[in-house]
Amino acid sequence: MTRIFNRVSNFTIATTLVVLLCGAIGSGAAAQISQVVQPSIDVFAPTDNASPQVQPPQVQAGDIATQAASLEDLIAQQQPVGAITPELKCLAGAIYFEARAEAPAGQLAVGRVIVARTKSGHFPTTYCGVVLQPSQFSFVRHHAIPTIDHSSAQWQQSVAIARIAAEGSWQSPVEGALYFHAKRVSPNWHRHRLAQIDHQVFYQ
């Protein structure tokens, strides 16, 4: 009798387990257990449907000169005159007094002469040293540059051209020249003449 009761009990327990398991499968619990967990997607990563972002080209400092169509364009792109170094002020002063009535190419040529002198090994190595060197520039008085109206358009342009000349961002038509004089004078120099720009004659 006890054996029969045990068999019935075991059968009842097994039947109950089968019913519960089938009910669990039907409810979706088993599916949740067996479901494959998908990896999370980085919200900053582009999806397959998203078009790739194109980064804008980086403009280098020296690219401004290559983008300028002319020397006049490059002058116009220069920053307004603010505080400038004493050296740049000497270079701009020489351009102002020696060539402010000339075309931009002539003004740049004068500036590049001063720059070339600083690198030649035969003149002082600073712009102020070259400009203030005795018996070199007639506008210099008592080893000083005369007063300039810094609000004038001519001074603004002289500073812009001085920056271009110092950076070498535009080539002068007489690149490498170390000397120049006004066309109205004849110093009888025995030097190699390069060219005349407006009213100035340039020599190597």
N, C-alpha and C. Protein backbone atom coordinates (compact mmCIF):
# COMPACT_ATOMS: atom_id res chain seq x y z
N MET A 1 0.83 -1.20 0.00
CA MET A 1 0.00 0.00 0.00
C MET A 1 0.86 1.24 0.00
N THR A 2 1.91 1.14 0.81
CA THR A 2 2.83 2.30 0.88
C THR A 2 3.52 2.52 -0.43
N ARG A 3 3.90 1.40 -1.11
CA ARG A 3 4.56 1.53 -2.41
C ARG A 3 3.64 2.18 -3.43
N ILE A 4 2.35 1.74 -3.40
CA ILE A 4 1.38 2.33 -4.35
C ILE A 4 1.24 3.81 -4.10
N PHE A 5 1.20 4.20 -2.80
CA PHE A 5 1.05 5.63 -2.45
C PHE A 5 2.25 6.44 -2.93
N ASN A 6 3.44 5.84 -2.75
CA ASN A 6 4.65 6.54 -3.19
C ASN A 6 4.68 6.72 -4.71
N ARG A 7 4.24 5.66 -5.45
CA ARG A 7 4.21 5.77 -6.90
C ARG A 7 3.24 6.85 -7.35
N VAL A 8 2.08 6.87 -6.68
CA VAL A 8 1.08 7.91 -7.04
C VAL A 8 1.62 9.29 -6.76
N SER A 9 2.30 9.43 -5.62
CA SER A 9 2.85 10.75 -5.25
C SER A 9 3.91 11.19 -6.24
N ASN A 10 4.79 10.22 -6.60
CA ASN A 10 5.84 10.57 -7.57
C ASN A 10 5.23 10.95 -8.90
N PHE A 11 4.19 10.22 -9.31
CA PHE A 11 3.53 10.54 -10.58
C PHE A 11 2.89 11.91 -10.52
N THR A 12 2.29 12.23 -9.40
CA THR A 12 1.63 13.53 -9.24
C THR A 12 2.65 14.67 -9.30
N ILE A 13 3.79 14.45 -8.62
CA ILE A 13 4.83 15.50 -8.62
C ILE A 13 5.39 15.69 -10.03
N ALA A 14 5.63 14.59 -10.74
CA ALA A 14 6.18 14.69 -12.09
C ALA A 14 5.21 15.39 -13.02
N THR A 15 3.92 15.05 -12.89
CA THR A 15 2.89 15.69 -13.73
C THR A 15 2.84 17.18 -13.46
N THR A 16 2.91 17.53 -12.17
CA THR A 16 2.87 18.95 -11.78
C THR A 16 4.05 19.71 -12.38
N LEU A 17 5.23 19.10 -12.35
CA LEU A 17 6.44 19.75 -12.91
C LEU A 17 6.30 19.97 -14.40
N VAL A 18 5.74 18.96 -15.11
CA VAL A 18 5.58 19.09 -16.56
C VAL A 18 4.64 20.22 -16.89
N VAL A 19 3.54 20.33 -16.11
CA VAL A 19 2.56 21.40 -16.36
C VAL A 19 3.19 22.77 -16.12
N LEU A 20 3.93 22.85 -15.01
CA LEU A 20 4.58 24.13 -14.70
C LEU A 20 5.60 24.52 -15.75
N LEU A 21 6.37 23.56 -16.24
CA LEU A 21 7.39 23.85 -17.25
C LEU A 21 6.76 24.31 -18.55
N CYS A 22 5.67 23.62 -18.95
CA CYS A 22 4.98 24.04 -20.19
C CYS A 22 4.39 25.41 -20.03
N GLY A 23 3.89 25.71 -18.85
CA GLY A 23 3.33 27.04 -18.61
C GLY A 23 4.41 28.11 -18.65
N ALA A 24 5.60 27.74 -18.15
CA ALA A 24 6.70 28.72 -18.15
C ALA A 24 7.14 29.01 -19.57
N ILE A 25 7.22 27.96 -20.41
CA ILE A 25 7.63 28.16 -21.80
C ILE A 25 6.62 29.03 -22.52
N GLY A 26 5.35 28.81 -22.22
CA GLY A 26 4.32 29.60 -22.89
C GLY A 26 4.32 31.05 -22.46
N SER A 27 4.75 31.31 -21.23
CA SER A 27 4.71 32.69 -20.75
C SER A 27 5.86 33.54 -21.26
N GLY A 28 6.90 32.94 -21.87
CA GLY A 28 8.04 33.70 -22.39
C GLY A 28 9.19 33.78 -21.43
N ALA A 29 9.10 33.20 -20.26
CA ALA A 29 10.21 33.27 -19.30
C ALA A 29 11.44 32.57 -19.84
N ALA A 30 11.21 31.38 -20.46
CA ALA A 30 12.35 30.66 -21.01
C ALA A 30 13.00 31.44 -22.14
N ALA A 31 12.17 32.12 -22.91
CA ALA A 31 12.72 32.92 -24.00
C ALA A 31 13.60 34.03 -23.47
N GLN A 32 13.23 34.60 -22.33
CA GLN A 32 14.04 35.66 -21.76
C GLN A 32 15.37 35.12 -21.29
N ILE A 33 15.38 33.90 -20.81
CA ILE A 33 16.63 33.32 -20.33
C ILE A 33 17.55 33.01 -21.49
N SER A 34 16.95 32.47 -22.59
CA SER A 34 17.78 32.05 -23.72
C SER A 34 18.07 33.19 -24.70
N GLN A 35 17.50 34.37 -24.45
CA GLN A 35 17.69 35.48 -25.39
C GLN A 35 19.14 35.93 -25.39
N VAL A 36 19.71 36.15 -26.58
CA VAL A 36 21.09 36.61 -26.70
C VAL A 36 21.13 38.11 -26.44
N VAL A 37 21.99 38.54 -25.54
CA VAL A 37 22.12 39.96 -25.20
C VAL A 37 22.95 40.65 -26.25
N GLN A 38 22.37 41.67 -26.88
CA GLN A 38 23.08 42.42 -27.91
C GLN A 38 24.04 43.42 -27.27
N PRO A 39 25.22 43.62 -27.85
CA PRO A 39 26.14 44.60 -27.27
C PRO A 39 25.57 46.01 -27.42
N SER A 40 25.86 46.84 -26.45
CA SER A 40 25.37 48.22 -26.51
C SER A 40 26.07 48.98 -27.61
N ILE A 41 25.38 49.97 -28.19
CA ILE A 41 25.91 50.77 -29.30
C ILE A 41 26.37 52.11 -28.76
N ASP A 42 27.59 52.48 -29.08
CA ASP A 42 28.12 53.77 -28.67
C ASP A 42 27.31 54.87 -29.38
N VAL A 43 26.69 55.75 -28.61
CA VAL A 43 25.82 56.75 -29.21
C VAL A 43 26.60 57.76 -30.04
N PHE A 44 27.93 57.82 -29.86
CA PHE A 44 28.73 58.78 -30.61
C PHE A 44 29.27 58.19 -31.91
N ALA A 45 29.11 56.86 -32.07
CA ALA A 45 29.62 56.23 -33.29
C ALA A 45 28.59 56.36 -34.39
N PRO A 46 29.01 56.63 -35.63
CA PRO A 46 28.05 56.75 -36.73
C PRO A 46 27.42 55.41 -37.05
N THR A 47 26.14 55.40 -37.40
CA THR A 47 25.45 54.18 -37.78
C THR A 47 25.67 53.92 -39.26
N ASP A 48 25.20 52.76 -39.71
CA ASP A 48 25.39 52.40 -41.12
C ASP A 48 24.69 53.37 -42.05
N ASN A 49 23.55 53.93 -41.58
CA ASN A 49 22.77 54.82 -42.43
C ASN A 49 23.24 56.26 -42.39
N ALA A 50 24.11 56.55 -41.43
CA ALA A 50 24.55 57.95 -41.28
C ALA A 50 25.67 58.22 -42.27
N SER A 51 25.62 59.37 -42.90
CA SER A 51 26.68 59.76 -43.83
C SER A 51 27.89 60.20 -43.04
N PRO A 52 29.10 59.86 -43.50
CA PRO A 52 30.31 60.22 -42.76
C PRO A 52 30.48 61.74 -42.72
N GLN A 53 30.94 62.24 -41.58
CA GLN A 53 31.15 63.67 -41.44
C GLN A 53 32.46 64.06 -42.11
N VAL A 54 32.42 65.08 -42.93
CA VAL A 54 33.60 65.57 -43.62
C VAL A 54 34.17 66.74 -42.84
N GLN A 55 35.41 66.61 -42.41
CA GLN A 55 36.04 67.68 -41.65
C GLN A 55 36.45 68.81 -42.59
N PRO A 56 36.23 70.07 -42.19
CA PRO A 56 36.65 71.18 -43.05
C PRO A 56 38.17 71.23 -43.16
N PRO A 57 38.69 71.65 -44.29
CA PRO A 57 40.14 71.71 -44.45
C PRO A 57 40.76 72.71 -43.49
N GLN A 58 41.91 72.35 -42.95
CA GLN A 58 42.61 73.25 -42.05
C GLN A 58 43.47 74.21 -42.86
N VAL A 59 43.29 75.51 -42.57
CA VAL A 59 44.05 76.53 -43.30
C VAL A 59 45.28 76.88 -42.49
N GLN A 60 46.42 76.67 -43.06
CA GLN A 60 47.67 77.02 -42.41
C GLN A 60 47.94 78.51 -42.56
N ALA A 61 48.78 79.02 -41.69
CA ALA A 61 49.07 80.45 -41.71
C ALA A 61 49.65 80.89 -43.04
N GLY A 62 50.55 80.04 -43.57
CA GLY A 62 51.18 80.41 -44.83
C GLY A 62 50.28 80.28 -46.04
N ASP A 63 49.10 79.63 -45.89
CA ASP A 63 48.21 79.44 -47.02
C ASP A 63 47.54 80.74 -47.45
N ILE A 64 47.48 81.72 -46.56
CA ILE A 64 46.82 82.97 -46.90
C ILE A 64 47.49 83.62 -48.10
N ALA A 65 48.83 83.57 -48.12
CA ALA A 65 49.56 84.18 -49.23
C ALA A 65 49.27 83.46 -50.54
N THR A 66 49.17 82.11 -50.50
CA THR A 66 48.93 81.37 -51.73
C THR A 66 47.51 81.57 -52.23
N GLN A 67 46.58 81.94 -51.33
CA GLN A 67 45.20 82.16 -51.73
C GLN A 67 44.99 83.58 -52.26
N ALA A 68 45.92 84.48 -51.98
CA ALA A 68 45.78 85.86 -52.44
C ALA A 68 46.04 85.92 -53.94
N ALA A 69 45.18 86.64 -54.66
CA ALA A 69 45.32 86.73 -56.11
C ALA A 69 46.38 87.75 -56.50
N SER A 70 46.67 88.69 -55.62
CA SER A 70 47.64 89.74 -55.93
C SER A 70 48.23 90.26 -54.64
N LEU A 71 49.28 91.05 -54.77
CA LEU A 71 49.88 91.69 -53.61
C LEU A 71 48.89 92.61 -52.93
N GLU A 72 48.06 93.29 -53.70
CA GLU A 72 47.04 94.17 -53.13
C GLU A 72 46.06 93.38 -52.27
N ASP A 73 45.68 92.17 -52.74
CA ASP A 73 44.78 91.32 -51.94
C ASP A 73 45.44 90.91 -50.63
N LEU A 74 46.72 90.57 -50.69
CA LEU A 74 47.43 90.16 -49.49
C LEU A 74 47.54 91.31 -48.50
N ILE A 75 47.75 92.50 -49.01
CA ILE A 75 47.80 93.69 -48.14
C ILE A 75 46.46 93.87 -47.44
N ALA A 76 45.37 93.72 -48.19
CA ALA A 76 44.03 93.90 -47.63
C ALA A 76 43.71 92.85 -46.57
N GLN A 77 44.36 91.68 -46.63
CA GLN A 77 44.10 90.61 -45.68
C GLN A 77 44.85 90.79 -44.37
N GLN A 78 45.77 91.73 -44.31
CA GLN A 78 46.54 91.94 -43.09
C GLN A 78 45.67 92.50 -41.98
N GLN A 79 46.02 92.15 -40.75
CA GLN A 79 45.28 92.63 -39.60
C GLN A 79 45.47 94.12 -39.42
N PRO A 80 44.47 94.82 -38.88
CA PRO A 80 44.63 96.26 -38.61
C PRO A 80 45.83 96.50 -37.70
N VAL A 81 46.44 97.66 -37.86
CA VAL A 81 47.63 97.98 -37.08
C VAL A 81 47.27 98.11 -35.61
N GLY A 82 47.93 97.36 -34.79
CA GLY A 82 47.80 97.50 -33.34
C GLY A 82 49.16 97.80 -32.77
N ALA A 83 49.48 97.15 -31.69
CA ALA A 83 50.82 97.29 -31.12
C ALA A 83 51.80 96.49 -31.98
N ILE A 84 52.86 97.10 -32.43
CA ILE A 84 53.86 96.41 -33.24
C ILE A 84 55.21 96.52 -32.54
N THR A 85 56.08 95.62 -32.87
CA THR A 85 57.40 95.59 -32.25
C THR A 85 58.24 96.77 -32.75
N PRO A 86 59.24 97.19 -32.00
CA PRO A 86 60.14 98.26 -32.47
C PRO A 86 60.81 97.90 -33.79
N GLU A 87 61.15 96.63 -33.97
CA GLU A 87 61.81 96.22 -35.21
C GLU A 87 60.88 96.40 -36.42
N LEU A 88 59.64 95.95 -36.28
CA LEU A 88 58.70 96.11 -37.38
C LEU A 88 58.40 97.59 -37.62
N LYS A 89 58.42 98.37 -36.57
CA LYS A 89 58.19 99.81 -36.71
C LYS A 89 59.32 100.46 -37.51
N CYS A 90 60.56 100.04 -37.30
CA CYS A 90 61.68 100.56 -38.09
C CYS A 90 61.53 100.17 -39.56
N LEU A 91 61.14 98.92 -39.81
CA LEU A 91 60.97 98.46 -41.19
C LEU A 91 59.84 99.23 -41.87
N ALA A 92 58.72 99.39 -41.18
CA ALA A 92 57.59 100.13 -41.75
C ALA A 92 57.95 101.60 -41.94
N GLY A 93 58.75 102.15 -41.03
CA GLY A 93 59.17 103.54 -41.16
C GLY A 93 59.99 103.78 -42.41
N ALA A 94 60.88 102.85 -42.71
CA ALA A 94 61.69 102.98 -43.93
C ALA A 94 60.82 102.88 -45.18
N ILE A 95 59.86 101.97 -45.17
CA ILE A 95 58.94 101.85 -46.30
C ILE A 95 58.13 103.13 -46.46
N TYR A 96 57.69 103.68 -45.34
CA TYR A 96 56.87 104.89 -45.35
C TYR A 96 57.64 106.07 -45.95
N PHE A 97 58.85 106.31 -45.48
CA PHE A 97 59.59 107.48 -45.93
C PHE A 97 60.24 107.30 -47.30
N GLU A 98 60.61 106.08 -47.64
CA GLU A 98 61.31 105.85 -48.89
C GLU A 98 60.38 105.53 -50.06
N ALA A 99 59.17 105.02 -49.77
CA ALA A 99 58.37 104.51 -50.88
C ALA A 99 56.87 104.68 -50.73
N ARG A 100 56.40 105.54 -49.82
CA ARG A 100 54.95 105.62 -49.62
C ARG A 100 54.21 106.14 -50.85
N ALA A 101 54.90 106.83 -51.74
CA ALA A 101 54.27 107.32 -52.97
C ALA A 101 54.36 106.31 -54.11
N GLU A 102 55.04 105.18 -53.87
CA GLU A 102 55.22 104.17 -54.90
C GLU A 102 54.05 103.18 -54.90
N ALA A 103 53.97 102.38 -55.94
CA ALA A 103 52.99 101.29 -56.00
C ALA A 103 53.38 100.22 -54.97
N PRO A 104 52.45 99.35 -54.59
CA PRO A 104 52.76 98.31 -53.60
C PRO A 104 53.99 97.48 -53.93
N ALA A 105 54.21 97.17 -55.21
CA ALA A 105 55.38 96.37 -55.58
C ALA A 105 56.67 97.12 -55.24
N GLY A 106 56.68 98.43 -55.46
CA GLY A 106 57.85 99.23 -55.13
C GLY A 106 58.06 99.33 -53.63
N GLN A 107 56.98 99.46 -52.88
CA GLN A 107 57.08 99.51 -51.43
C GLN A 107 57.61 98.18 -50.87
N LEU A 108 57.10 97.08 -51.40
CA LEU A 108 57.57 95.77 -50.96
C LEU A 108 59.05 95.58 -51.30
N ALA A 109 59.47 96.06 -52.47
CA ALA A 109 60.87 95.93 -52.87
C ALA A 109 61.79 96.64 -51.89
N VAL A 110 61.39 97.83 -51.43
CA VAL A 110 62.20 98.56 -50.44
C VAL A 110 62.26 97.76 -49.13
N GLY A 111 61.12 97.24 -48.71
CA GLY A 111 61.11 96.45 -47.49
C GLY A 111 61.99 95.21 -47.59
N ARG A 112 61.97 94.56 -48.73
CA ARG A 112 62.76 93.33 -48.90
C ARG A 112 64.26 93.64 -48.98
N VAL A 113 64.63 94.84 -49.43
CA VAL A 113 66.05 95.24 -49.41
C VAL A 113 66.55 95.26 -47.97
N ILE A 114 65.76 95.84 -47.08
CA ILE A 114 66.16 95.92 -45.67
C ILE A 114 66.24 94.53 -45.06
N VAL A 115 65.27 93.67 -45.37
CA VAL A 115 65.29 92.29 -44.87
C VAL A 115 66.53 91.57 -45.40
N ALA A 116 66.83 91.75 -46.69
CA ALA A 116 67.99 91.08 -47.28
C ALA A 116 69.30 91.57 -46.65
N ARG A 117 69.36 92.84 -46.30
CA ARG A 117 70.58 93.36 -45.66
C ARG A 117 70.83 92.68 -44.32
N THR A 118 69.77 92.44 -43.55
CA THR A 118 69.96 91.80 -42.24
C THR A 118 70.51 90.39 -42.35
N LYS A 119 70.35 89.78 -43.51
CA LYS A 119 70.79 88.39 -43.71
C LYS A 119 72.07 88.29 -44.54
N SER A 120 72.59 89.42 -45.00
CA SER A 120 73.72 89.40 -45.94
C SER A 120 75.07 89.18 -45.28
N GLY A 121 75.19 89.53 -44.01
CA GLY A 121 76.48 89.44 -43.34
C GLY A 121 77.33 90.68 -43.53
N HIS A 122 76.84 91.67 -44.30
CA HIS A 122 77.60 92.90 -44.54
C HIS A 122 76.94 94.13 -43.90
N PHE A 123 75.80 93.93 -43.28
CA PHE A 123 75.06 95.01 -42.64
C PHE A 123 74.64 94.55 -41.24
N PRO A 124 74.11 95.46 -40.43
CA PRO A 124 73.57 95.04 -39.13
C PRO A 124 72.52 93.95 -39.29
N THR A 125 72.32 93.19 -38.25
CA THR A 125 71.43 92.02 -38.33
C THR A 125 70.00 92.31 -37.87
N THR A 126 69.68 93.56 -37.57
CA THR A 126 68.32 93.92 -37.18
C THR A 126 67.80 94.99 -38.13
N TYR A 127 66.47 95.10 -38.23
CA TYR A 127 65.88 96.11 -39.10
C TYR A 127 66.25 97.52 -38.63
N CYS A 128 66.16 97.75 -37.33
CA CYS A 128 66.52 99.08 -36.81
C CYS A 128 67.99 99.37 -37.04
N GLY A 129 68.84 98.35 -36.90
CA GLY A 129 70.26 98.54 -37.14
C GLY A 129 70.53 98.94 -38.59
N VAL A 130 69.84 98.30 -39.52
CA VAL A 130 70.01 98.62 -40.95
C VAL A 130 69.48 100.02 -41.25
N VAL A 131 68.27 100.33 -40.77
CA VAL A 131 67.63 101.61 -41.10
C VAL A 131 68.39 102.78 -40.48
N LEU A 132 68.87 102.60 -39.26
CA LEU A 132 69.53 103.70 -38.55
C LEU A 132 71.03 103.75 -38.77
N GLN A 133 71.55 102.86 -39.59
CA GLN A 133 72.98 102.88 -39.88
C GLN A 133 73.36 104.21 -40.53
N PRO A 134 74.41 104.87 -40.06
CA PRO A 134 74.78 106.19 -40.60
C PRO A 134 75.01 106.18 -42.10
N SER A 135 74.56 107.23 -42.75
CA SER A 135 74.78 107.49 -44.18
C SER A 135 74.13 106.47 -45.10
N GLN A 136 73.05 105.86 -44.66
CA GLN A 136 72.37 104.88 -45.49
C GLN A 136 71.02 105.39 -45.98
N PHE A 137 70.21 105.99 -45.12
CA PHE A 137 68.89 106.47 -45.50
C PHE A 137 68.79 107.96 -45.18
N SER A 138 68.46 108.72 -46.20
CA SER A 138 68.48 110.18 -46.04
C SER A 138 67.38 110.71 -45.12
N PHE A 139 66.32 109.95 -44.90
CA PHE A 139 65.23 110.46 -44.05
C PHE A 139 65.59 110.40 -42.56
N VAL A 140 66.61 109.61 -42.19
CA VAL A 140 66.99 109.47 -40.79
C VAL A 140 67.64 110.77 -40.32
N ARG A 141 67.18 111.27 -39.18
CA ARG A 141 67.69 112.51 -38.61
C ARG A 141 68.18 112.24 -37.19
N HIS A 142 69.47 112.55 -36.95
CA HIS A 142 70.05 112.40 -35.61
C HIS A 142 69.83 110.98 -35.08
N HIS A 143 70.08 110.03 -35.93
CA HIS A 143 69.99 108.60 -35.60
C HIS A 143 68.59 108.22 -35.10
N ALA A 144 67.58 108.84 -35.71
CA ALA A 144 66.20 108.54 -35.31
C ALA A 144 65.28 108.69 -36.52
N ILE A 145 64.17 107.98 -36.48
CA ILE A 145 63.16 108.08 -37.52
C ILE A 145 62.23 109.23 -37.16
N PRO A 146 61.96 110.15 -38.11
CA PRO A 146 61.07 111.28 -37.82
C PRO A 146 59.67 110.82 -37.40
N THR A 147 58.91 111.73 -36.82
CA THR A 147 57.56 111.43 -36.38
C THR A 147 56.66 111.10 -37.57
N ILE A 148 55.78 110.13 -37.36
CA ILE A 148 54.87 109.67 -38.41
C ILE A 148 53.44 109.76 -37.89
N ASP A 149 52.53 110.17 -38.75
CA ASP A 149 51.11 110.16 -38.40
C ASP A 149 50.60 108.73 -38.49
N HIS A 150 50.49 108.07 -37.35
CA HIS A 150 50.12 106.66 -37.33
C HIS A 150 48.65 106.40 -37.65
N SER A 151 47.88 107.47 -37.77
CA SER A 151 46.47 107.30 -38.13
C SER A 151 46.25 107.36 -39.64
N SER A 152 47.29 107.67 -40.39
CA SER A 152 47.15 107.85 -41.84
C SER A 152 47.04 106.50 -42.54
N ALA A 153 46.37 106.51 -43.69
CA ALA A 153 46.24 105.29 -44.50
C ALA A 153 47.59 104.84 -45.03
N GLN A 154 48.48 105.80 -45.29
CA GLN A 154 49.81 105.44 -45.81
C GLN A 154 50.61 104.66 -44.76
N TRP A 155 50.48 105.06 -43.50
CA TRP A 155 51.18 104.31 -42.45
C TRP A 155 50.58 102.91 -42.28
N GLN A 156 49.27 102.82 -42.36
CA GLN A 156 48.61 101.52 -42.24
C GLN A 156 49.12 100.57 -43.32
N GLN A 157 49.25 101.08 -44.53
CA GLN A 157 49.73 100.24 -45.63
C GLN A 157 51.21 99.91 -45.45
N SER A 158 51.99 100.86 -44.96
CA SER A 158 53.42 100.61 -44.74
C SER A 158 53.63 99.48 -43.74
N VAL A 159 52.81 99.46 -42.69
CA VAL A 159 52.91 98.39 -41.70
C VAL A 159 52.50 97.04 -42.32
N ALA A 160 51.43 97.04 -43.11
CA ALA A 160 50.99 95.80 -43.76
C ALA A 160 52.08 95.25 -44.67
N ILE A 161 52.71 96.13 -45.43
CA ILE A 161 53.77 95.68 -46.34
C ILE A 161 55.00 95.25 -45.56
N ALA A 162 55.29 95.93 -44.45
CA ALA A 162 56.42 95.52 -43.61
C ALA A 162 56.22 94.10 -43.09
N ARG A 163 55.01 93.76 -42.70
CA ARG A 163 54.72 92.39 -42.24
C ARG A 163 54.95 91.38 -43.36
N ILE A 164 54.48 91.72 -44.55
CA ILE A 164 54.65 90.81 -45.69
C ILE A 164 56.13 90.65 -46.02
N ALA A 165 56.86 91.77 -45.99
CA ALA A 165 58.30 91.73 -46.30
C ALA A 165 59.05 90.91 -45.26
N ALA A 166 58.71 91.09 -43.99
CA ALA A 166 59.39 90.36 -42.92
C ALA A 166 59.10 88.87 -42.98
N GLU A 167 57.87 88.50 -43.32
CA GLU A 167 57.48 87.09 -43.41
C GLU A 167 57.94 86.43 -44.71
N GLY A 168 58.23 87.26 -45.72
CA GLY A 168 58.59 86.70 -47.02
C GLY A 168 57.42 86.02 -47.69
N SER A 169 56.20 86.47 -47.40
CA SER A 169 55.01 85.80 -47.92
C SER A 169 54.65 86.23 -49.34
N TRP A 170 55.36 87.20 -49.89
CA TRP A 170 55.16 87.58 -51.31
C TRP A 170 56.52 87.98 -51.86
N GLN A 171 56.88 87.44 -53.01
CA GLN A 171 58.20 87.68 -53.58
C GLN A 171 58.27 89.04 -54.25
N SER A 172 59.36 89.74 -53.98
CA SER A 172 59.60 91.02 -54.63
C SER A 172 60.08 90.80 -56.06
N PRO A 173 59.76 91.72 -56.98
CA PRO A 173 60.28 91.59 -58.35
C PRO A 173 61.80 91.69 -58.41
N VAL A 174 62.41 92.27 -57.38
CA VAL A 174 63.87 92.42 -57.36
C VAL A 174 64.44 91.69 -56.13
N GLU A 175 63.96 90.47 -55.92
CA GLU A 175 64.39 89.69 -54.76
C GLU A 175 65.90 89.55 -54.75
N GLY A 176 66.51 89.80 -53.60
CA GLY A 176 67.96 89.72 -53.46
C GLY A 176 68.67 91.05 -53.59
N ALA A 177 67.94 92.11 -53.92
CA ALA A 177 68.56 93.44 -54.04
C ALA A 177 69.01 93.92 -52.66
N LEU A 178 70.17 94.60 -52.63
CA LEU A 178 70.70 95.15 -51.39
C LEU A 178 70.79 96.67 -51.41
N TYR A 179 70.59 97.25 -52.59
CA TYR A 179 70.72 98.70 -52.73
C TYR A 179 69.61 99.24 -53.63
N PHE A 180 69.27 100.49 -53.45
CA PHE A 180 68.33 101.15 -54.36
C PHE A 180 68.53 102.66 -54.22
N HIS A 181 68.09 103.36 -55.24
CA HIS A 181 68.10 104.83 -55.19
C HIS A 181 66.97 105.36 -56.05
N ALA A 182 66.62 106.61 -55.82
CA ALA A 182 65.58 107.24 -56.62
C ALA A 182 66.09 107.47 -58.04
N LYS A 183 65.19 107.37 -59.00
CA LYS A 183 65.57 107.50 -60.40
C LYS A 183 66.15 108.88 -60.71
N ARG A 184 65.76 109.89 -59.94
CA ARG A 184 66.18 111.26 -60.22
C ARG A 184 67.65 111.52 -59.89
N VAL A 185 68.28 110.58 -59.15
CA VAL A 185 69.69 110.77 -58.80
C VAL A 185 70.55 109.76 -59.55
N SER A 186 71.83 110.08 -59.68
CA SER A 186 72.77 109.18 -60.38
C SER A 186 74.01 109.00 -59.51
N PRO A 187 74.00 108.00 -58.62
CA PRO A 187 75.13 107.82 -57.71
C PRO A 187 76.37 107.20 -58.37
N ASN A 188 76.26 106.80 -59.63
CA ASN A 188 77.39 106.21 -60.36
C ASN A 188 77.93 104.98 -59.63
N TRP A 189 77.02 104.10 -59.25
CA TRP A 189 77.42 102.87 -58.58
C TRP A 189 77.92 101.85 -59.60
N HIS A 190 78.92 101.09 -59.20
CA HIS A 190 79.40 100.00 -60.04
C HIS A 190 78.86 98.68 -59.47
N ARG A 191 77.56 98.56 -59.53
CA ARG A 191 76.88 97.40 -59.01
C ARG A 191 75.97 96.82 -60.09
N HIS A 192 75.56 95.57 -59.86
CA HIS A 192 74.69 94.92 -60.83
C HIS A 192 73.27 95.45 -60.69
N ARG A 193 72.81 96.11 -61.75
CA ARG A 193 71.46 96.65 -61.73
C ARG A 193 70.45 95.54 -62.01
N LEU A 194 69.41 95.47 -61.18
CA LEU A 194 68.38 94.45 -61.36
C LEU A 194 67.19 94.97 -62.16
N ALA A 195 66.60 96.06 -61.71
CA ALA A 195 65.42 96.59 -62.39
C ALA A 195 65.03 97.92 -61.78
N GLN A 196 64.15 98.59 -62.50
CA GLN A 196 63.54 99.82 -61.98
C GLN A 196 62.06 99.54 -61.71
N ILE A 197 61.60 99.92 -60.53
CA ILE A 197 60.19 99.79 -60.17
C ILE A 197 59.69 101.18 -59.83
N ASP A 198 58.76 101.67 -60.63
CA ASP A 198 58.26 103.03 -60.47
C ASP A 198 59.43 104.01 -60.52
N HIS A 199 59.68 104.69 -59.41
CA HIS A 199 60.72 105.72 -59.40
C HIS A 199 61.97 105.28 -58.65
N GLN A 200 62.12 103.97 -58.42
CA GLN A 200 63.27 103.46 -57.70
C GLN A 200 64.04 102.47 -58.59
N VAL A 201 65.35 102.53 -58.48
CA VAL A 201 66.22 101.61 -59.22
C VAL A 201 66.92 100.71 -58.20
N PHE A 202 66.92 99.41 -58.47
CA PHE A 202 67.41 98.44 -57.49
C PHE A 202 68.66 97.71 -58.02
N TYR A 203 69.57 97.44 -57.09
CA TYR A 203 70.85 96.81 -57.43
C TYR A 203 71.12 95.66 -56.46
N GLN A 204 71.98 94.73 -56.95
CA GLN A 204 72.39 93.61 -56.12
C GLN A 204 73.71 93.92 -55.43
